[in-house]
Amino acid sequence: MIIVCYDFSNDKLRAQFAKFLDKHGRKVQYSVYEIKHSRRMMDNILEEIEHTFKRRFTSSDSVLIFQMCEADVKKIVRYGFPSLEEKEVLCF
């Protein structure tokens, strides 16, 4: 799993970055995304950040990317009721 957290001062840049991440994973909190991990996916994300977003960052912007192995994912402890958590859909 890849966890991407971001903080941008510019609303337009923040919205564009969130839209970019929506294509690859799911939002679990307002500025936090979970993305299924693969080397190719990680390379794509890093390349897109380097070529599209990095030049637009200011000194108050940040992006943190955490790569987690399966053992680390099993150690995640979740509390509360995340309103942005995806709900399972059952179709008949």
N, C-alpha and C. Protein backbone atom coordinates (compact mmCIF):
# COMPACT_ATOMS: atom_id res chain seq x y z
N MET A 1 0.84 -1.17 0.00
CA MET A 1 0.00 0.00 0.00
C MET A 1 0.89 1.24 0.00
N ILE A 2 0.41 2.26 -0.66
CA ILE A 2 1.08 3.56 -0.65
C ILE A 2 0.12 4.53 0.02
N ILE A 3 0.64 5.31 0.95
CA ILE A 3 -0.13 6.37 1.59
C ILE A 3 0.44 7.70 1.10
N VAL A 4 -0.41 8.56 0.57
CA VAL A 4 0.02 9.88 0.11
C VAL A 4 -0.75 10.91 0.93
N CYS A 5 0.01 11.81 1.57
CA CYS A 5 -0.55 12.91 2.35
C CYS A 5 -0.05 14.20 1.73
N TYR A 6 -0.88 15.20 1.68
CA TYR A 6 -0.46 16.45 1.06
C TYR A 6 -1.06 17.64 1.78
N ASP A 7 -0.41 18.78 1.61
CA ASP A 7 -0.88 20.04 2.16
C ASP A 7 -0.44 21.14 1.22
N PHE A 8 -1.38 21.80 0.58
CA PHE A 8 -1.08 22.89 -0.36
C PHE A 8 -1.81 24.15 0.08
N SER A 9 -1.15 25.28 -0.06
CA SER A 9 -1.77 26.54 0.29
C SER A 9 -2.69 27.03 -0.83
N ASN A 10 -2.42 26.63 -2.07
CA ASN A 10 -3.18 27.07 -3.23
C ASN A 10 -4.37 26.12 -3.45
N ASP A 11 -5.57 26.66 -3.42
CA ASP A 11 -6.78 25.84 -3.57
C ASP A 11 -6.84 25.11 -4.91
N LYS A 12 -6.46 25.79 -5.99
CA LYS A 12 -6.51 25.20 -7.32
C LYS A 12 -5.53 24.03 -7.43
N LEU A 13 -4.31 24.22 -6.93
CA LEU A 13 -3.31 23.15 -6.96
C LEU A 13 -3.77 21.98 -6.10
N ARG A 14 -4.33 22.26 -4.94
CA ARG A 14 -4.83 21.21 -4.05
C ARG A 14 -5.91 20.39 -4.74
N ALA A 15 -6.83 21.05 -5.42
CA ALA A 15 -7.91 20.37 -6.12
C ALA A 15 -7.37 19.52 -7.27
N GLN A 16 -6.41 20.04 -8.01
CA GLN A 16 -5.81 19.29 -9.12
C GLN A 16 -5.05 18.06 -8.61
N PHE A 17 -4.35 18.21 -7.50
CA PHE A 17 -3.60 17.09 -6.94
C PHE A 17 -4.56 16.01 -6.43
N ALA A 18 -5.63 16.42 -5.79
CA ALA A 18 -6.63 15.47 -5.30
C ALA A 18 -7.27 14.73 -6.47
N LYS A 19 -7.57 15.44 -7.55
CA LYS A 19 -8.15 14.80 -8.73
C LYS A 19 -7.18 13.79 -9.33
N PHE A 20 -5.89 14.13 -9.35
CA PHE A 20 -4.85 13.21 -9.83
C PHE A 20 -4.83 11.94 -8.97
N LEU A 21 -4.86 12.10 -7.65
CA LEU A 21 -4.82 10.94 -6.75
C LEU A 21 -6.10 10.11 -6.82
N ASP A 22 -7.23 10.76 -7.09
CA ASP A 22 -8.51 10.04 -7.22
C ASP A 22 -8.43 8.97 -8.32
N LYS A 23 -7.62 9.21 -9.33
CA LYS A 23 -7.48 8.25 -10.44
C LYS A 23 -6.73 6.99 -10.01
N HIS A 24 -5.97 7.08 -8.93
CA HIS A 24 -5.08 5.98 -8.54
C HIS A 24 -5.48 5.26 -7.26
N GLY A 25 -6.22 5.94 -6.40
CA GLY A 25 -6.53 5.34 -5.11
C GLY A 25 -7.82 5.89 -4.54
N ARG A 26 -7.93 5.79 -3.23
CA ARG A 26 -9.15 6.27 -2.58
C ARG A 26 -8.79 7.20 -1.43
N LYS A 27 -9.62 8.19 -1.27
CA LYS A 27 -9.43 9.17 -0.21
C LYS A 27 -9.89 8.55 1.10
N VAL A 28 -9.04 8.61 2.13
CA VAL A 28 -9.43 8.10 3.45
C VAL A 28 -9.60 9.23 4.46
N GLN A 29 -8.98 10.36 4.18
CA GLN A 29 -9.20 11.60 4.93
C GLN A 29 -9.04 12.74 3.94
N TYR A 30 -9.28 13.95 4.36
CA TYR A 30 -9.32 15.06 3.41
C TYR A 30 -8.05 15.21 2.57
N SER A 31 -6.91 14.99 3.11
CA SER A 31 -5.67 15.12 2.35
C SER A 31 -4.82 13.86 2.44
N VAL A 32 -5.49 12.72 2.57
CA VAL A 32 -4.79 11.44 2.71
C VAL A 32 -5.44 10.42 1.77
N TYR A 33 -4.60 9.76 0.97
CA TYR A 33 -5.07 8.74 0.04
C TYR A 33 -4.36 7.43 0.27
N GLU A 34 -5.09 6.32 0.08
CA GLU A 34 -4.52 4.97 0.05
C GLU A 34 -4.50 4.52 -1.40
N ILE A 35 -3.38 3.97 -1.81
CA ILE A 35 -3.23 3.50 -3.19
C ILE A 35 -2.66 2.09 -3.14
N LYS A 36 -3.23 1.19 -3.92
CA LYS A 36 -2.67 -0.17 -3.98
C LYS A 36 -1.27 -0.09 -4.54
N HIS A 37 -0.37 -0.80 -3.90
CA HIS A 37 1.05 -0.68 -4.21
C HIS A 37 1.49 -1.61 -5.33
N SER A 38 2.23 -1.04 -6.23
CA SER A 38 3.00 -1.80 -7.21
C SER A 38 4.16 -0.89 -7.60
N ARG A 39 5.23 -1.46 -8.02
CA ARG A 39 6.39 -0.66 -8.41
C ARG A 39 6.01 0.29 -9.54
N ARG A 40 5.22 -0.21 -10.48
CA ARG A 40 4.79 0.61 -11.62
C ARG A 40 3.94 1.79 -11.15
N MET A 41 3.02 1.53 -10.23
CA MET A 41 2.16 2.59 -9.71
C MET A 41 2.98 3.66 -9.00
N MET A 42 3.93 3.21 -8.18
CA MET A 42 4.79 4.16 -7.47
C MET A 42 5.59 5.00 -8.46
N ASP A 43 6.15 4.38 -9.47
CA ASP A 43 6.91 5.11 -10.49
C ASP A 43 6.03 6.13 -11.21
N ASN A 44 4.80 5.75 -11.54
CA ASN A 44 3.88 6.67 -12.22
C ASN A 44 3.55 7.88 -11.35
N ILE A 45 3.30 7.64 -10.07
CA ILE A 45 2.97 8.73 -9.16
C ILE A 45 4.15 9.68 -9.01
N LEU A 46 5.34 9.12 -8.79
CA LEU A 46 6.53 9.96 -8.63
C LEU A 46 6.82 10.76 -9.90
N GLU A 47 6.67 10.13 -11.04
CA GLU A 47 6.93 10.82 -12.32
C GLU A 47 5.94 11.97 -12.53
N GLU A 48 4.67 11.72 -12.24
CA GLU A 48 3.66 12.77 -12.40
C GLU A 48 3.92 13.93 -11.44
N ILE A 49 4.28 13.64 -10.22
CA ILE A 49 4.59 14.71 -9.26
C ILE A 49 5.79 15.52 -9.74
N GLU A 50 6.83 14.82 -10.18
CA GLU A 50 8.04 15.50 -10.67
C GLU A 50 7.76 16.40 -11.87
N HIS A 51 6.99 15.90 -12.83
CA HIS A 51 6.81 16.61 -14.09
C HIS A 51 5.65 17.59 -14.12
N THR A 52 4.65 17.37 -13.30
CA THR A 52 3.46 18.21 -13.36
C THR A 52 3.30 19.13 -12.15
N PHE A 53 3.58 18.62 -10.97
CA PHE A 53 3.25 19.38 -9.77
C PHE A 53 4.44 20.05 -9.10
N LYS A 54 5.59 19.43 -9.07
CA LYS A 54 6.72 19.90 -8.26
C LYS A 54 7.10 21.35 -8.55
N ARG A 55 7.09 21.73 -9.80
CA ARG A 55 7.49 23.09 -10.18
C ARG A 55 6.51 24.15 -9.65
N ARG A 56 5.32 23.72 -9.28
CA ARG A 56 4.29 24.64 -8.79
C ARG A 56 4.26 24.74 -7.26
N PHE A 57 5.06 23.93 -6.58
CA PHE A 57 5.08 23.94 -5.11
C PHE A 57 5.69 25.24 -4.60
N THR A 58 5.15 25.71 -3.49
CA THR A 58 5.73 26.85 -2.79
C THR A 58 6.40 26.33 -1.52
N SER A 59 6.99 27.23 -0.78
CA SER A 59 7.69 26.83 0.46
C SER A 59 6.73 26.33 1.54
N SER A 60 5.44 26.56 1.37
CA SER A 60 4.47 26.10 2.38
C SER A 60 3.74 24.83 1.96
N ASP A 61 4.10 24.25 0.81
CA ASP A 61 3.45 23.04 0.32
C ASP A 61 4.27 21.80 0.68
N SER A 62 3.56 20.68 0.83
CA SER A 62 4.29 19.44 1.10
C SER A 62 3.49 18.24 0.63
N VAL A 63 4.23 17.19 0.25
CA VAL A 63 3.66 15.90 -0.11
C VAL A 63 4.51 14.85 0.59
N LEU A 64 3.87 13.94 1.30
CA LEU A 64 4.56 12.82 1.94
C LEU A 64 4.02 11.53 1.34
N ILE A 65 4.94 10.63 0.98
CA ILE A 65 4.56 9.35 0.39
C ILE A 65 5.18 8.25 1.24
N PHE A 66 4.32 7.34 1.73
CA PHE A 66 4.77 6.23 2.54
C PHE A 66 4.50 4.93 1.79
N GLN A 67 5.51 4.12 1.60
CA GLN A 67 5.34 2.79 1.01
C GLN A 67 5.28 1.79 2.15
N MET A 68 4.25 0.98 2.14
CA MET A 68 4.05 0.03 3.23
C MET A 68 3.99 -1.38 2.67
N CYS A 69 4.71 -2.29 3.32
CA CYS A 69 4.64 -3.69 2.94
C CYS A 69 3.39 -4.30 3.57
N GLU A 70 3.06 -5.50 3.16
CA GLU A 70 1.86 -6.17 3.66
C GLU A 70 1.87 -6.32 5.19
N ALA A 71 3.04 -6.58 5.75
CA ALA A 71 3.15 -6.71 7.21
C ALA A 71 2.82 -5.39 7.90
N ASP A 72 3.25 -4.26 7.31
CA ASP A 72 2.94 -2.95 7.89
C ASP A 72 1.45 -2.64 7.78
N VAL A 73 0.85 -3.00 6.66
CA VAL A 73 -0.58 -2.74 6.46
C VAL A 73 -1.40 -3.46 7.53
N LYS A 74 -0.99 -4.65 7.90
CA LYS A 74 -1.70 -5.41 8.93
C LYS A 74 -1.59 -4.77 10.31
N LYS A 75 -0.62 -3.87 10.49
CA LYS A 75 -0.42 -3.20 11.78
C LYS A 75 -1.23 -1.91 11.90
N ILE A 76 -1.93 -1.53 10.86
CA ILE A 76 -2.71 -0.30 10.90
C ILE A 76 -3.85 -0.46 11.89
N VAL A 77 -4.00 0.51 12.75
CA VAL A 77 -5.09 0.54 13.72
C VAL A 77 -5.98 1.71 13.34
N ARG A 78 -7.27 1.45 13.19
CA ARG A 78 -8.21 2.50 12.79
C ARG A 78 -9.24 2.70 13.90
N TYR A 79 -9.52 3.95 14.21
CA TYR A 79 -10.53 4.31 15.20
C TYR A 79 -11.52 5.27 14.57
N GLY A 80 -12.66 5.35 15.16
CA GLY A 80 -13.64 6.32 14.70
C GLY A 80 -14.44 5.83 13.52
N PHE A 81 -15.09 6.77 12.90
CA PHE A 81 -15.98 6.49 11.80
C PHE A 81 -15.62 7.38 10.62
N PRO A 82 -14.64 6.96 9.84
CA PRO A 82 -14.19 7.82 8.74
C PRO A 82 -15.30 8.02 7.70
N SER A 83 -15.76 9.26 7.59
CA SER A 83 -16.87 9.54 6.67
C SER A 83 -16.47 9.37 5.22
N LEU A 84 -15.18 9.42 4.92
CA LEU A 84 -14.74 9.29 3.54
C LEU A 84 -14.37 7.86 3.18
N GLU A 85 -14.49 6.95 4.13
CA GLU A 85 -14.18 5.55 3.87
C GLU A 85 -15.19 5.00 2.86
N GLU A 86 -14.70 4.25 1.89
CA GLU A 86 -15.60 3.68 0.89
C GLU A 86 -16.54 2.68 1.54
N LYS A 87 -17.76 2.72 1.10
CA LYS A 87 -18.74 1.79 1.58
C LYS A 87 -18.85 0.64 0.58
N GLU A 88 -19.07 -0.57 1.09
CA GLU A 88 -19.24 -1.70 0.20
C GLU A 88 -20.61 -1.63 -0.42
N VAL A 89 -20.69 -1.95 -1.70
CA VAL A 89 -21.94 -1.94 -2.41
C VAL A 89 -22.30 -3.39 -2.75
N LEU A 90 -23.51 -3.76 -2.46
CA LEU A 90 -23.98 -5.12 -2.72
C LEU A 90 -24.99 -5.06 -3.84
N CYS A 91 -24.72 -5.77 -4.93
CA CYS A 91 -25.63 -5.79 -6.09
C CYS A 91 -26.25 -7.17 -6.22
N PHE A 92 -27.52 -7.19 -6.55
CA PHE A 92 -28.25 -8.45 -6.75
C PHE A 92 -28.70 -8.55 -8.19
